[in-house]
Amino acid sequence: MTLDEFEAAAARTTNSTLSDTERLLDAAAGLCEESGEILGLVRKHAYQAHALNREKLIVELGDALWCLAITARSAGVTLEQVAEANLAKLRTRYPEGYSDRASQERRV
């Protein structure tokens, strides 16, 4: 599945009664909410001796991906554009790949 295919499939399940602005805000707020749920799973694993619940993590990451796709779509951009722009930024920031030094000295 491509990012474009995912985005189109995810869009089928948006609330059609929302305005474009409401849909944008709902998806962006949902992205924050789902990120918090992901953080909670990882925090419990890292600091409270819980096993990492990979099945639950997949569900929450999927919810975050849905919110990201709908936020992008509501803003008039595609996930493909988002991914390409992010990779271009990372190539500029870390032309030789990640290093602590490049991270500390980054200008981009």
C-alpha atoms as a PDB file:
ATOM      1  CA  MET A   1       0.000   0.000   0.000  1.00  0.00           C
ATOM      2  CA  THR A   2       1.282   3.460  -0.842  1.00  0.00           C
ATOM      3  CA  LEU A   3       0.840   6.543   1.287  1.00  0.00           C
ATOM      4  CA  ASP A   4      -1.606   7.918  -1.291  1.00  0.00           C
ATOM      5  CA  GLU A   5      -3.675   4.729  -1.097  1.00  0.00           C
ATOM      6  CA  PHE A   6      -3.741   4.886   2.689  1.00  0.00           C
ATOM      7  CA  GLU A   7      -4.745   8.538   2.649  1.00  0.00           C
ATOM      8  CA  ALA A   8      -7.618   7.898   0.245  1.00  0.00           C
ATOM      9  CA  ALA A   9      -8.865   4.926   2.278  1.00  0.00           C
ATOM     10  CA  ALA A  10      -8.584   6.855   5.550  1.00  0.00           C
ATOM     11  CA  ALA A  11     -10.549   9.781   4.116  1.00  0.00           C
ATOM     12  CA  ARG A  12     -13.567   7.495   3.732  1.00  0.00           C
ATOM     13  CA  THR A  13     -13.986   7.477   7.501  1.00  0.00           C
ATOM     14  CA  THR A  14     -13.897  11.194   8.241  1.00  0.00           C
ATOM     15  CA  ASN A  15     -16.907  12.928   9.758  1.00  0.00           C
ATOM     16  CA  SER A  16     -18.660  14.396   6.716  1.00  0.00           C
ATOM     17  CA  THR A  17     -20.618  16.878   8.851  1.00  0.00           C
ATOM     18  CA  LEU A  18     -17.471  18.824   9.746  1.00  0.00           C
ATOM     19  CA  SER A  19     -16.336  21.884   7.817  1.00  0.00           C
ATOM     20  CA  ASP A  20     -12.844  21.844   6.319  1.00  0.00           C
ATOM     21  CA  THR A  21     -11.535  23.914   9.238  1.00  0.00           C
ATOM     22  CA  GLU A  22     -13.247  21.689  11.798  1.00  0.00           C
ATOM     23  CA  ARG A  23     -11.872  18.556  10.122  1.00  0.00           C
ATOM     24  CA  LEU A  24      -8.362  20.040  10.163  1.00  0.00           C
ATOM     25  CA  LEU A  25      -8.576  20.893  13.853  1.00  0.00           C
ATOM     26  CA  ASP A  26     -10.181  17.558  14.754  1.00  0.00           C
ATOM     27  CA  ALA A  27      -7.440  15.598  12.977  1.00  0.00           C
ATOM     28  CA  ALA A  28      -4.607  17.724  14.400  1.00  0.00           C
ATOM     29  CA  ALA A  29      -6.016  17.405  17.919  1.00  0.00           C
ATOM     30  CA  GLY A  30      -6.427  13.669  17.380  1.00  0.00           C
ATOM     31  CA  LEU A  31      -2.783  13.441  16.349  1.00  0.00           C
ATOM     32  CA  CYS A  32      -1.758  14.954  19.685  1.00  0.00           C
ATOM     33  CA  GLU A  33      -4.095  12.640  21.574  1.00  0.00           C
ATOM     34  CA  GLU A  34      -2.850   9.513  19.813  1.00  0.00           C
ATOM     35  CA  SER A  35       0.778  10.579  20.284  1.00  0.00           C
ATOM     36  CA  GLY A  36       0.103  10.757  24.009  1.00  0.00           C
ATOM     37  CA  GLU A  37      -1.251   7.209  23.972  1.00  0.00           C
ATOM     38  CA  ILE A  38       1.886   6.028  22.153  1.00  0.00           C
ATOM     39  CA  LEU A  39       4.048   7.840  24.677  1.00  0.00           C
ATOM     40  CA  GLY A  40       2.170   6.197  27.538  1.00  0.00           C
ATOM     41  CA  LEU A  41       2.876   2.714  26.172  1.00  0.00           C
ATOM     42  CA  VAL A  42       6.557   3.450  25.633  1.00  0.00           C
ATOM     43  CA  ARG A  43       6.936   5.210  29.010  1.00  0.00           C
ATOM     44  CA  LYS A  44       5.450   2.282  30.892  1.00  0.00           C
ATOM     45  CA  HIS A  45       7.815  -0.032  29.034  1.00  0.00           C
ATOM     46  CA  ALA A  46      10.874   2.140  29.667  1.00  0.00           C
ATOM     47  CA  TYR A  47      10.227   3.206  33.263  1.00  0.00           C
ATOM     48  CA  GLN A  48       7.678   0.857  34.826  1.00  0.00           C
ATOM     49  CA  ALA A  49       8.893  -2.589  33.728  1.00  0.00           C
ATOM     50  CA  HIS A  50       5.877  -3.241  31.497  1.00  0.00           C
ATOM     51  CA  ALA A  51       6.383  -5.453  28.474  1.00  0.00           C
ATOM     52  CA  LEU A  52       6.069  -3.424  25.281  1.00  0.00           C
ATOM     53  CA  ASN A  53       2.592  -4.227  24.009  1.00  0.00           C
ATOM     54  CA  ARG A  54       3.370  -4.291  20.306  1.00  0.00           C
ATOM     55  CA  GLU A  55      -0.202  -5.094  19.284  1.00  0.00           C
ATOM     56  CA  LYS A  56      -1.521  -2.035  21.152  1.00  0.00           C
ATOM     57  CA  LEU A  57       1.378   0.032  19.786  1.00  0.00           C
ATOM     58  CA  ILE A  58       0.424  -0.933  16.227  1.00  0.00           C
ATOM     59  CA  VAL A  59      -3.166   0.145  16.890  1.00  0.00           C
ATOM     60  CA  GLU A  60      -2.121   3.499  18.361  1.00  0.00           C
ATOM     61  CA  LEU A  61       0.450   4.148  15.617  1.00  0.00           C
ATOM     62  CA  GLY A  62      -2.274   3.404  13.078  1.00  0.00           C
ATOM     63  CA  ASP A  63      -4.581   5.893  14.768  1.00  0.00           C
ATOM     64  CA  ALA A  64      -1.792   8.497  14.682  1.00  0.00           C
ATOM     65  CA  LEU A  65      -1.185   7.747  10.993  1.00  0.00           C
ATOM     66  CA  TRP A  66      -4.892   8.209  10.289  1.00  0.00           C
ATOM     67  CA  CYS A  67      -4.856  11.575  12.064  1.00  0.00           C
ATOM     68  CA  LEU A  68      -1.700  12.614  10.211  1.00  0.00           C
ATOM     69  CA  ALA A  69      -3.231  11.653   6.860  1.00  0.00           C
ATOM     70  CA  ILE A  70      -6.430  13.573   7.538  1.00  0.00           C
ATOM     71  CA  THR A  71      -4.543  16.600   8.871  1.00  0.00           C
ATOM     72  CA  ALA A  72      -2.454  16.676   5.697  1.00  0.00           C
ATOM     73  CA  ARG A  73      -5.448  16.133   3.424  1.00  0.00           C
ATOM     74  CA  SER A  74      -7.461  18.816   5.230  1.00  0.00           C
ATOM     75  CA  ALA A  75      -4.571  21.241   4.723  1.00  0.00           C
ATOM     76  CA  GLY A  76      -4.418  20.441   1.003  1.00  0.00           C
ATOM     77  CA  VAL A  77      -1.200  18.424   1.040  1.00  0.00           C
ATOM     78  CA  THR A  78      -0.531  14.725   0.596  1.00  0.00           C
ATOM     79  CA  LEU A  79       1.393  12.326   2.792  1.00  0.00           C
ATOM     80  CA  GLU A  80       3.697  11.801  -0.195  1.00  0.00           C
ATOM     81  CA  GLN A  81       4.533  15.531  -0.142  1.00  0.00           C
ATOM     82  CA  VAL A  82       5.062  15.436   3.612  1.00  0.00           C
ATOM     83  CA  ALA A  83       7.345  12.395   3.361  1.00  0.00           C
ATOM     84  CA  GLU A  84       9.359  13.825   0.465  1.00  0.00           C
ATOM     85  CA  ALA A  85       9.818  17.187   2.220  1.00  0.00           C
ATOM     86  CA  ASN A  86      10.930  15.458   5.420  1.00  0.00           C
ATOM     87  CA  LEU A  87      13.490  13.300   3.606  1.00  0.00           C
ATOM     88  CA  ALA A  88      14.842  16.352   1.766  1.00  0.00           C
ATOM     89  CA  LYS A  89      15.255  18.165   5.101  1.00  0.00           C
ATOM     90  CA  LEU A  90      17.015  15.154   6.639  1.00  0.00           C
ATOM     91  CA  ARG A  91      19.362  14.807   3.646  1.00  0.00           C
ATOM     92  CA  THR A  92      20.364  18.440   4.140  1.00  0.00           C
ATOM     93  CA  ARG A  93      20.671  18.113   7.901  1.00  0.00           C
ATOM     94  CA  TYR A  94      22.527  14.783   7.885  1.00  0.00           C
ATOM     95  CA  PRO A  95      24.189  14.381   4.459  1.00  0.00           C
ATOM     96  CA  GLU A  96      26.393  11.550   5.745  1.00  0.00           C
ATOM     97  CA  GLY A  97      23.666  10.030   7.929  1.00  0.00           C
ATOM     98  CA  TYR A  98      22.988  10.745  11.586  1.00  0.00           C
ATOM     99  CA  SER A  99      25.822  11.686  13.913  1.00  0.00           C
ATOM    100  CA  ASP A 100      25.767  13.368  17.306  1.00  0.00           C
ATOM    101  CA  ARG A 101      28.048  16.079  15.971  1.00  0.00           C
ATOM    102  CA  ALA A 102      25.798  16.844  13.002  1.00  0.00           C
ATOM    103  CA  SER A 103      22.829  16.976  15.362  1.00  0.00           C
ATOM    104  CA  GLN A 104      24.577  19.398  17.704  1.00  0.00           C
ATOM    105  CA  GLU A 105      25.796  21.641  14.875  1.00  0.00           C
ATOM    106  CA  ARG A 106      22.705  21.551  12.696  1.00  0.00           C
ATOM    107  CA  ARG A 107      21.585  24.735  11.068  1.00  0.00           C
ATOM    108  CA  VAL A 108      18.542  23.411   9.201  1.00  0.00           C
END
